[in-house]
Amino acid sequence: MSTTKFGKQGWTPERLHNLNGRTYLITGANAGTGFEAAKILLKKGAEVVMLNRSAERSQAAINDVKQELGAGANVRYILMDLGDLSSVRTAAEEVLATTPRIDALICNAAVAQVASQEFTKDGFESQLGINHYGHFLLVNLLYDRIVATAGRIVVVASEGYKMGLRTIQFDDLNFNENYSPNTVYSQSKLAQMLFAYELQRRGGAAGRNVSVYVCHPGASSTSLIRKDSPLMTRITWSLMRRSPLVQSAERGAYPEVMCATEPDLDPLAYYGPTGMMNMSGPVGRVTPESHAQDWKVAAKLWDVSEQATKCKWNLNAVCKWNLNAVTVTS
């Protein structure tokens, strides 16, 4: 079931006005939908800060942007590896030192269908660690700067949240006993959705002026499926990319740009393509399944995530850290 208030064509970038003076942070912006989102925002005069893990690929992406849009495109990058929480903290410090306003933080970066169990530097299963824990910490560290601008947080989820256990496997988050690439990916994207809705709920209760939105890109032609993903996953995706069900990476970027800019969206909604199986088609509102807004699971995940990232949220305070301990100061 889907609804859209944007007409038969759905939301498109033609709705955007001049974005001069606004700053957007995008994780994983050197390729795929993140790169396309950056270009859409830059074309409207915004500043874009890419948060990427590769300096070489970041500079190549910036060179491509400036070749297409002109040398005046206001884009830069900050190195950050979501799979290394110390890197996330360092990047957040650099953002706070160099970026006086954040109109939206777009949590776009992700890994998917990792064939065999891998771990982040901090010992987390890689898909949960990168897709959820890394973003959970980043949003925490930048939250007050976003509040100061009455900005937005955009979480790019996936329809894959429907395809796993439909809950969080708290007794074995690393899936040591039953690792499956698709199931584990599904848990990581569900975790992102639960976090986003819970942050909106808690922030609203605390009177914080930040909007949190959840979207999905549909089936978009990107490099998210890795070369070492399971063979059948790669074969299936290769065949799908030849079908009309799969859209361009540019169209896959529309939902996250919409959620970063469009006024009067519903923070407890879910936005993305509304066509067959939500894979492509006009961008609008899609109904999330109930397990994505299970408040008991969301609250437990919040507590577990605070412990994992060693950074407790206080919606009236700023998170600080040092080498030996974590404190919260107002």
Protein backbone atom coordinates (compact mmCIF):
# COMPACT_ATOMS: atom_id res chain seq x y z
CA MET A 1 0.00 0.00 0.00
CA SER A 2 1.33 3.45 -0.84
CA THR A 3 0.20 7.03 -0.83
CA THR A 4 1.71 10.13 -2.35
CA LYS A 5 0.80 13.80 -2.16
CA PHE A 6 3.03 14.70 -5.07
CA GLY A 7 0.79 13.61 -7.93
CA LYS A 8 1.23 10.83 -10.45
CA GLN A 9 4.89 11.61 -11.00
CA GLY A 10 5.71 11.53 -7.29
CA TRP A 11 8.42 13.70 -5.73
CA THR A 12 11.12 14.91 -8.09
CA PRO A 13 13.97 17.44 -7.72
CA GLU A 14 11.92 19.97 -9.66
CA ARG A 15 10.28 20.74 -6.30
CA LEU A 16 13.57 22.03 -4.89
CA HIS A 17 14.15 25.75 -4.45
CA ASN A 18 17.44 27.57 -4.05
CA LEU A 19 19.53 25.95 -1.29
CA ASN A 20 22.22 28.61 -0.99
CA GLY A 21 23.54 28.83 2.56
CA ARG A 22 22.43 25.31 3.51
CA THR A 23 24.78 22.48 4.37
CA TYR A 24 24.13 18.77 3.95
CA LEU A 25 26.26 15.93 5.27
CA ILE A 26 26.05 12.60 3.43
CA THR A 27 27.72 9.36 4.48
CA GLY A 28 28.97 7.18 1.67
CA ALA A 29 28.68 9.97 -0.91
CA ASN A 30 31.47 9.04 -3.30
CA ALA A 31 29.30 6.59 -5.30
CA GLY A 32 25.76 5.33 -5.84
CA THR A 33 22.73 7.10 -4.47
CA GLY A 34 24.81 9.18 -2.05
CA PHE A 35 26.83 10.60 -4.94
CA GLU A 36 23.69 11.33 -6.93
CA ALA A 37 22.06 12.99 -3.90
CA ALA A 38 25.13 15.19 -3.51
CA LYS A 39 24.89 16.33 -7.13
CA ILE A 40 21.18 17.13 -6.85
CA LEU A 41 21.78 19.29 -3.77
CA LEU A 42 24.84 20.98 -5.25
CA LYS A 43 22.93 21.93 -8.38
CA LYS A 44 20.62 23.97 -6.13
CA GLY A 45 23.49 25.84 -4.51
CA ALA A 46 23.91 23.85 -1.30
CA GLU A 47 27.18 22.97 0.40
CA VAL A 48 27.75 19.20 0.62
CA VAL A 49 30.16 17.50 2.99
CA MET A 50 30.89 13.91 2.04
CA LEU A 51 31.74 11.52 4.88
CA ASN A 52 33.65 8.70 3.17
CA ARG A 53 36.28 6.16 4.16
CA SER A 54 38.54 6.53 1.08
CA ALA A 55 40.45 9.73 0.34
CA GLU A 56 41.23 8.57 -3.19
CA ARG A 57 37.63 7.75 -4.10
CA SER A 58 36.40 10.91 -2.39
CA GLN A 59 38.72 13.13 -4.40
CA ALA A 60 37.79 11.30 -7.60
CA ALA A 61 34.11 11.89 -6.84
CA ILE A 62 34.71 15.58 -6.18
CA ASN A 63 36.66 15.89 -9.43
CA ASP A 64 33.75 14.28 -11.30
CA VAL A 65 31.27 16.64 -9.63
CA LYS A 66 33.28 19.73 -10.51
CA GLN A 67 33.79 18.57 -14.06
CA GLU A 68 30.02 18.20 -14.43
CA LEU A 69 28.79 21.15 -12.37
CA GLY A 70 31.70 23.55 -12.51
CA ALA A 71 34.67 24.43 -10.33
CA GLY A 72 32.45 26.45 -8.01
CA ALA A 73 30.55 23.42 -6.72
CA ASN A 74 30.71 23.74 -2.92
CA VAL A 75 31.72 20.20 -1.99
CA ARG A 76 34.37 18.73 0.29
CA TYR A 77 34.99 15.50 2.16
CA ILE A 78 35.93 14.32 5.62
CA LEU A 79 37.41 10.86 6.08
CA MET A 80 35.28 8.52 8.17
CA ASP A 81 35.02 4.74 8.45
CA LEU A 82 31.69 3.70 9.95
CA GLY A 83 33.24 0.33 10.80
CA ASP A 84 35.67 1.98 13.21
CA LEU A 85 34.05 3.94 16.03
CA SER A 86 37.26 5.84 16.75
CA SER A 87 37.17 7.05 13.14
CA VAL A 88 33.56 8.16 13.60
CA ARG A 89 34.57 10.16 16.68
CA THR A 90 37.49 11.79 14.88
CA ALA A 91 35.30 12.67 11.91
CA ALA A 92 32.62 14.14 14.19
CA GLU A 93 35.25 16.34 15.82
CA GLU A 94 36.33 17.60 12.40
CA VAL A 95 32.73 18.26 11.38
CA LEU A 96 32.10 20.28 14.53
CA ALA A 97 35.32 22.25 13.99
CA THR A 98 34.67 23.05 10.31
CA THR A 99 30.92 23.00 9.76
CA PRO A 100 28.95 25.67 11.65
CA ARG A 101 25.53 24.49 10.47
CA ILE A 102 24.02 21.15 9.50
CA ASP A 103 20.69 21.38 7.73
CA ALA A 104 20.52 17.63 7.29
CA LEU A 105 22.64 14.60 8.05
CA ILE A 106 21.84 11.88 5.50
CA CYS A 107 22.80 8.42 6.79
CA ASN A 108 23.24 6.85 3.37
CA ALA A 109 26.29 4.56 3.58
CA ALA A 110 25.74 0.82 3.89
CA VAL A 111 27.14 -2.62 3.23
CA ALA A 112 24.91 -5.48 2.14
CA GLN A 113 24.80 -9.26 1.78
CA VAL A 114 28.33 -9.87 3.11
CA ALA A 115 28.89 -13.49 2.10
CA SER A 116 30.55 -14.76 5.26
CA GLN A 117 30.70 -13.35 8.76
CA GLU A 118 33.01 -10.36 9.06
CA PHE A 119 33.67 -8.04 11.96
CA THR A 120 34.29 -4.33 12.37
CA LYS A 121 37.37 -3.04 14.15
CA ASP A 122 35.29 -2.87 17.35
CA GLY A 123 34.20 -6.52 17.09
CA PHE A 124 30.67 -6.13 15.74
CA GLU A 125 29.19 -8.13 12.89
CA SER A 126 30.03 -5.90 9.92
CA GLN A 127 26.56 -5.14 8.57
CA LEU A 128 25.11 -4.22 11.96
CA GLY A 129 28.30 -2.44 12.95
CA ILE A 130 28.54 -0.27 9.83
CA ASN A 131 24.90 0.28 8.93
CA HIS A 132 23.59 0.82 12.47
CA TYR A 133 26.20 1.31 15.21
CA GLY A 134 28.39 3.65 13.17
CA HIS A 135 25.45 5.88 12.27
CA PHE A 136 23.99 5.64 15.80
CA LEU A 137 27.21 7.11 17.21
CA LEU A 138 27.62 9.71 14.46
CA VAL A 139 24.09 11.06 14.93
CA ASN A 140 24.65 11.22 18.69
CA LEU A 141 27.86 13.23 18.34
CA LEU A 142 26.39 15.70 15.83
CA TYR A 143 22.90 15.95 17.30
CA ASP A 144 23.31 19.27 19.10
CA ARG A 145 24.74 20.94 15.98
CA ILE A 146 21.71 19.71 14.03
CA VAL A 147 19.40 20.99 16.77
CA ALA A 148 21.01 24.42 16.54
CA THR A 149 19.88 24.67 12.90
CA ALA A 150 16.51 22.98 13.49
CA GLY A 151 17.86 20.48 10.99
CA ARG A 152 17.00 16.97 9.91
CA ILE A 153 18.32 13.45 10.19
CA VAL A 154 17.58 11.18 7.25
CA VAL A 155 18.03 7.44 7.66
CA VAL A 156 18.25 5.53 4.40
CA ALA A 157 16.76 2.14 5.14
CA SER A 158 15.84 -0.68 2.75
CA GLU A 159 12.89 -2.85 1.87
CA GLY A 160 15.20 -5.61 3.01
CA TYR A 161 13.99 -4.92 6.56
CA LYS A 162 11.03 -7.19 5.74
CA MET A 163 13.09 -10.18 4.69
CA GLY A 164 14.75 -11.38 7.90
CA LEU A 165 13.62 -12.33 11.39
CA ARG A 166 11.43 -9.20 11.63
CA THR A 167 12.97 -8.41 15.00
CA ILE A 168 16.42 -7.98 16.57
CA GLN A 169 18.26 -11.12 17.62
CA PHE A 170 19.45 -9.72 20.93
CA ASP A 171 20.82 -13.02 22.26
CA ASP A 172 23.28 -13.29 19.34
CA LEU A 173 23.66 -9.94 17.57
CA ASN A 174 26.72 -11.15 15.66
CA PHE A 175 24.85 -14.20 14.36
CA ASN A 176 27.60 -16.55 15.48
CA GLU A 177 25.21 -19.49 15.39
CA ASN A 178 23.05 -18.81 12.33
CA TYR A 179 24.84 -16.37 10.04
CA SER A 180 23.01 -15.71 6.79
CA PRO A 181 23.95 -12.72 4.57
CA ASN A 182 20.39 -11.65 3.77
CA THR A 183 19.01 -12.21 7.27
CA VAL A 184 21.84 -10.26 8.86
CA TYR A 185 21.50 -7.42 6.34
CA SER A 186 17.77 -7.33 7.08
CA GLN A 187 18.46 -7.00 10.82
CA SER A 188 20.88 -4.12 10.23
CA LYS A 189 18.34 -2.14 8.17
CA LEU A 190 15.55 -2.87 10.65
CA ALA A 191 17.86 -1.62 13.41
CA GLN A 192 18.32 1.66 11.53
CA MET A 193 14.57 2.12 11.21
CA LEU A 194 13.89 1.31 14.85
CA PHE A 195 16.59 3.80 15.87
CA ALA A 196 15.21 6.56 13.66
CA TYR A 197 11.64 6.24 14.90
CA GLU A 198 12.80 5.95 18.51
CA LEU A 199 15.00 9.05 18.15
CA GLN A 200 12.07 10.99 16.74
CA ARG A 201 9.91 9.86 19.66
CA ARG A 202 12.50 10.68 22.32
CA GLY A 203 13.57 13.94 20.73
CA GLY A 204 9.98 15.06 20.44
CA ALA A 205 9.32 14.23 24.08
CA ALA A 206 12.38 16.29 25.06
CA GLY A 207 11.24 19.23 22.93
CA ARG A 208 14.23 19.04 20.60
CA ASN A 209 13.64 20.74 17.26
CA VAL A 210 15.02 18.04 14.95
CA SER A 211 13.03 16.03 12.42
CA VAL A 212 13.98 12.42 11.73
CA TYR A 213 12.82 10.75 8.53
CA VAL A 214 13.13 7.23 7.17
CA CYS A 215 13.29 6.42 3.47
CA HIS A 216 14.35 3.66 1.11
CA PRO A 217 15.88 3.89 -2.39
CA GLY A 218 13.97 1.02 -3.97
CA ALA A 219 15.89 -1.19 -6.37
CA SER A 220 18.58 1.12 -7.73
CA SER A 221 21.50 0.39 -9.99
CA THR A 222 24.41 0.82 -7.59
CA SER A 223 27.44 -1.17 -6.43
CA LEU A 224 25.93 -2.04 -3.04
CA ILE A 225 26.01 -5.77 -3.88
CA ARG A 226 29.67 -6.66 -3.40
CA LYS A 227 31.78 -8.91 -5.59
CA ASP A 228 32.09 -11.34 -2.68
CA SER A 229 28.35 -11.50 -2.02
CA PRO A 230 26.78 -14.97 -2.35
CA LEU A 231 26.78 -16.27 -5.92
CA MET A 232 22.98 -16.53 -6.17
CA THR A 233 22.60 -12.99 -4.85
CA ARG A 234 24.97 -11.71 -7.53
CA ILE A 235 23.26 -13.70 -10.28
CA THR A 236 19.80 -12.55 -9.20
CA TRP A 237 20.91 -8.91 -8.99
CA SER A 238 22.63 -9.12 -12.38
CA LEU A 239 19.39 -10.31 -13.96
CA MET A 240 17.28 -7.75 -12.11
CA ARG A 241 19.47 -4.87 -13.27
CA ARG A 242 18.41 -5.69 -16.82
CA SER A 243 14.73 -5.41 -15.97
CA PRO A 244 12.52 -2.30 -15.81
CA LEU A 245 12.03 -2.94 -12.08
CA VAL A 246 15.48 -1.50 -11.36
CA GLN A 247 15.86 2.26 -11.62
CA SER A 248 18.89 4.50 -11.95
CA ALA A 249 21.02 5.50 -8.98
CA GLU A 250 19.85 9.08 -9.57
CA ARG A 251 16.21 8.14 -9.09
CA GLY A 252 17.23 6.03 -6.10
CA ALA A 253 18.56 9.24 -4.54
CA TYR A 254 15.23 11.07 -4.77
CA PRO A 255 13.79 9.77 -1.45
CA GLU A 256 16.78 10.87 0.64
CA VAL A 257 16.92 14.30 -1.01
CA MET A 258 13.17 14.67 -0.48
CA CYS A 259 13.49 13.79 3.19
CA ALA A 260 16.36 16.26 3.58
CA THR A 261 14.47 19.18 2.01
CA GLU A 262 10.72 18.78 1.56
CA PRO A 263 8.52 20.58 4.14
CA ASP A 264 5.61 19.03 6.01
CA LEU A 265 6.61 15.37 5.95
CA ASP A 266 5.35 12.93 8.57
CA PRO A 267 8.23 11.87 10.87
CA LEU A 268 6.66 8.50 11.61
CA ALA A 269 6.14 7.69 7.94
CA TYR A 270 8.33 5.82 5.46
CA TYR A 271 9.17 7.29 2.05
CA GLY A 272 10.40 5.80 -1.20
CA PRO A 273 9.32 4.41 -4.57
CA THR A 274 5.65 3.39 -4.58
CA GLY A 275 5.52 1.15 -7.67
CA MET A 276 5.46 -2.64 -7.86
CA MET A 277 6.89 -4.10 -4.63
CA ASN A 278 8.19 -0.58 -3.85
CA MET A 279 11.14 -1.28 -6.15
CA SER A 280 10.71 1.72 -8.43
CA GLY A 281 8.05 4.19 -9.51
CA PRO A 282 6.86 7.55 -8.17
CA VAL A 283 8.39 8.60 -4.86
CA GLY A 284 5.93 9.12 -2.06
CA ARG A 285 4.75 7.72 1.23
CA VAL A 286 4.89 3.98 1.85
CA THR A 287 3.32 2.27 4.84
CA PRO A 288 5.96 0.71 7.14
CA GLU A 289 5.24 -2.72 8.59
CA SER A 290 4.47 -2.82 12.30
CA HIS A 291 7.71 -4.54 13.36
CA ALA A 292 9.64 -1.44 12.22
CA GLN A 293 7.84 0.54 14.94
CA ASP A 294 7.89 -2.01 17.75
CA TRP A 295 8.57 0.37 20.62
CA LYS A 296 9.69 -2.31 23.09
CA VAL A 297 12.26 -3.64 20.66
CA ALA A 298 13.32 -0.10 19.74
CA ALA A 299 13.87 0.84 23.40
CA LYS A 300 15.94 -2.28 24.05
CA LEU A 301 17.99 -1.71 20.89
CA TRP A 302 18.64 1.87 22.04
CA ASP A 303 20.10 0.65 25.34
CA VAL A 304 22.18 -2.04 23.63
CA SER A 305 23.48 0.48 21.10
CA GLU A 306 24.51 2.94 23.80
CA GLN A 307 26.52 0.20 25.47
CA ALA A 308 28.07 -0.92 22.19
CA THR A 309 29.15 2.58 21.14
CA LYS A 310 30.14 3.61 24.69
CA CYS A 311 28.33 6.88 24.27
CA LYS A 312 25.15 7.40 26.24
CA TRP A 313 22.54 9.69 24.75
CA ASN A 314 21.31 12.62 26.76
CA LEU A 315 18.95 14.71 24.69
CA ASN A 316 19.77 17.70 26.87
CA ALA A 317 23.54 17.24 26.77
CA VAL A 318 26.52 16.63 24.54
CA CYS A 319 28.42 13.35 24.45
CA LYS A 320 32.11 13.56 25.36
CA TRP A 321 34.71 10.82 25.34
CA ASN A 322 38.30 10.08 26.27
CA LEU A 323 40.57 7.07 26.01
CA ASN A 324 39.43 5.47 29.26
CA ALA A 325 35.87 6.55 29.92
CA VAL A 326 32.81 8.21 28.55
CA THR A 327 31.09 11.06 30.35
CA VAL A 328 28.12 13.21 29.55
CA THR A 329 28.27 16.91 30.29
CA SER A 330 25.63 19.54 29.92
